[in-house]
Amino acid sequence: MSVDLTTWNDALYIHYDNDKLYNLCDFQNPAVQTLDKDESFPGRSASQGLIYQIGGGGSASYALSLANTLASIPEEFVGILRKKMYEIAVLDNDTIEASASDKGAFAKTIDEIDRKMQAAANRVESRIFRGRGGWIGRIANGTDVSNAAVITLDDKADAFNFYKGQQICFGETDGTSGSLRDSGEALTVLSVQRTDGTVTVDGDLDDIAAIADTDYIFTEGDFGQCITGMFDWVSFDRTILGDSFYGVTRSDDPDRLGGLYYDGTGEPLWETLTQVCGLLGNAIGGGGHDLVAYMHTSVLTEMVLAAQGKMVLDPTTLGSSRMVDMGVKTFAVTVGAHRVTLMPTWACRTDRMMVTKKGIWKLKSNGSFPKFLNRTGVLHAMEGEDSYMAKVGGYGNLFCKAPGWACAVKLADVIDIA
C-alpha cells in the first residue's frame, strides 16, 4: 500500500489561517446610526404633537375677519406604544471555555453576544423601512404556490431579511389588519438565494391553507407587533389616510399630516429627486434646506452611474447620533436650492425612496435601542443547566415630528441587484 493522503489521514494536522474571521452579516445601519435618539421613554405610551394650520379667517374687512376668525389647529398622535424586540443567545459553558483561546478555536463562543447585538441593530434598521405590521417580504405576483417549496420575492432586496432556520408565516395583509394564514402555521427556511431573490422552505407552500401569490411574509411572532416605520408615517397608500392613525384622521390635511407622495414611475432617478425636492421646498416654505434621501444601495449605484459627467457628487459623512461618532460615509449633491445627502441602506426596498428634512425623525426608547436586557450583567446563568443566556433587545418606537416635511417616493421598478 502506498503512502498517500488517505492512508496518512489520521497523522496529518488540519491548519487554519489566522486571518480575520469575517462576519458577512455585519451590515452598516445608517438610519439606526444617524437618526436622533431619545432614550427616556417611560410610562405607558407617548404622544407626538404638531400644528398643521395657523389661524384663518383673515379679511380686508375687520368685521368679517372677526366673524370668521379660526384658531390655529394643533394635532396630536396619541397612544404610541413602545414595541418589544428580542435577540437571545444561549451559550454552553463548556463550549465557552473550549473556545476561549486561539489555540482552542478560530472563533470565540463569547463573541456570539456581540453578534446578537448586531442582529438586533439589523432588525431595527429593517423595521424602519418596513411597516409596523411586521412584514419582511412579499411573494412575487405570479409565483406558483402549488406543490412548491421555493418562494420568489417581489424585491430581491428583501432576501436580506431571511436566514436559515427562520420560522416564517404568511398573511394576505401587511399586518396592520386581518390575520395570518392558517392560524399562523409556520414554515422553516432551509436556504436563501440572495442573488436570485428566492427562499427555500421545508414544505410545500400550499401546506399553508389559502396561501396565495402576493401574500406578505412575517417572522413568526412579528405580525402586528413591530415599530412604526417611515412609510407608516408617510404612506404610499393615500386611500388609508381617512383611517385613524394614532388617533389622527390624516385626510383632514393629507400632505401635512400624512406626508407627501410622489410617483416617479417611468422617470429617471435624478429627475424624480429634483421634482421631490421641489415639492418639499414648497411644503417647508422656501429653499436652502438640508435633506436626506434614504434609498437602497443599488438605487444609489444607479444614480452615481447616471451622474457621470453631469453632476458633482461630493463625498460627505453624516454624523452619528451615538455617543461614539463613527458617522456614515456617502455622497451629497445640490438639487435646486437644497443640499441633499444620498443615504444608502441595505434595508430599504429598491422600488422606493424616502426624502426628508433632517431632524424630524426620532427613535424613542427605554434606554438604548437595542441594548443588553440582563439586569445582573451581560450573561445570566441558566437554572438547571450548565449554560448562560445573553438577552439583547429593547423597547421603543419611531416618531415623526413633521410628516409633512417628508416624501415617500415610488421609483420606476424593482431594480435587479444581482
Foldseek 3Di string as FASTA:
>chain_A
DDDDCVVCVVVDDDDDDLDDDDDPLQFDQACLFFAAAAQDADDFADKFKDWDAAWDQDDPDPVRSVVRIDHTDMDMQADHGWFWDWDKDKFFPVQQVQQVDVVRDSDHPVCVLVVSQSVLSVVVSLDQQAFLQAFLFFAAPPDDQPFAQKGATQFLLSLSVDDFQFWKWWAQDSQQDDATFQNGDTWGWHDGDSLRRMTGTDGRSVVGPPDDHRITMHGPPRGNRGFGYLCNQAPPDPVCLCPARSNDSCVVPVLWRRNAEAEAAPHPPVVQVLVVQVQLCVLVPHAQFEKEKEAAPVSVVSVVVVCVPPFDWAWDWNWTNDPDTPTDIFTWGDRPRYIYTYHHDSSHFHFKMKMFGPDQKYKYFNGDAKDWDDPVDQWDQDPPHNIIMGMIGGITHMDGNIRSRMYMYGHHGRDNPD
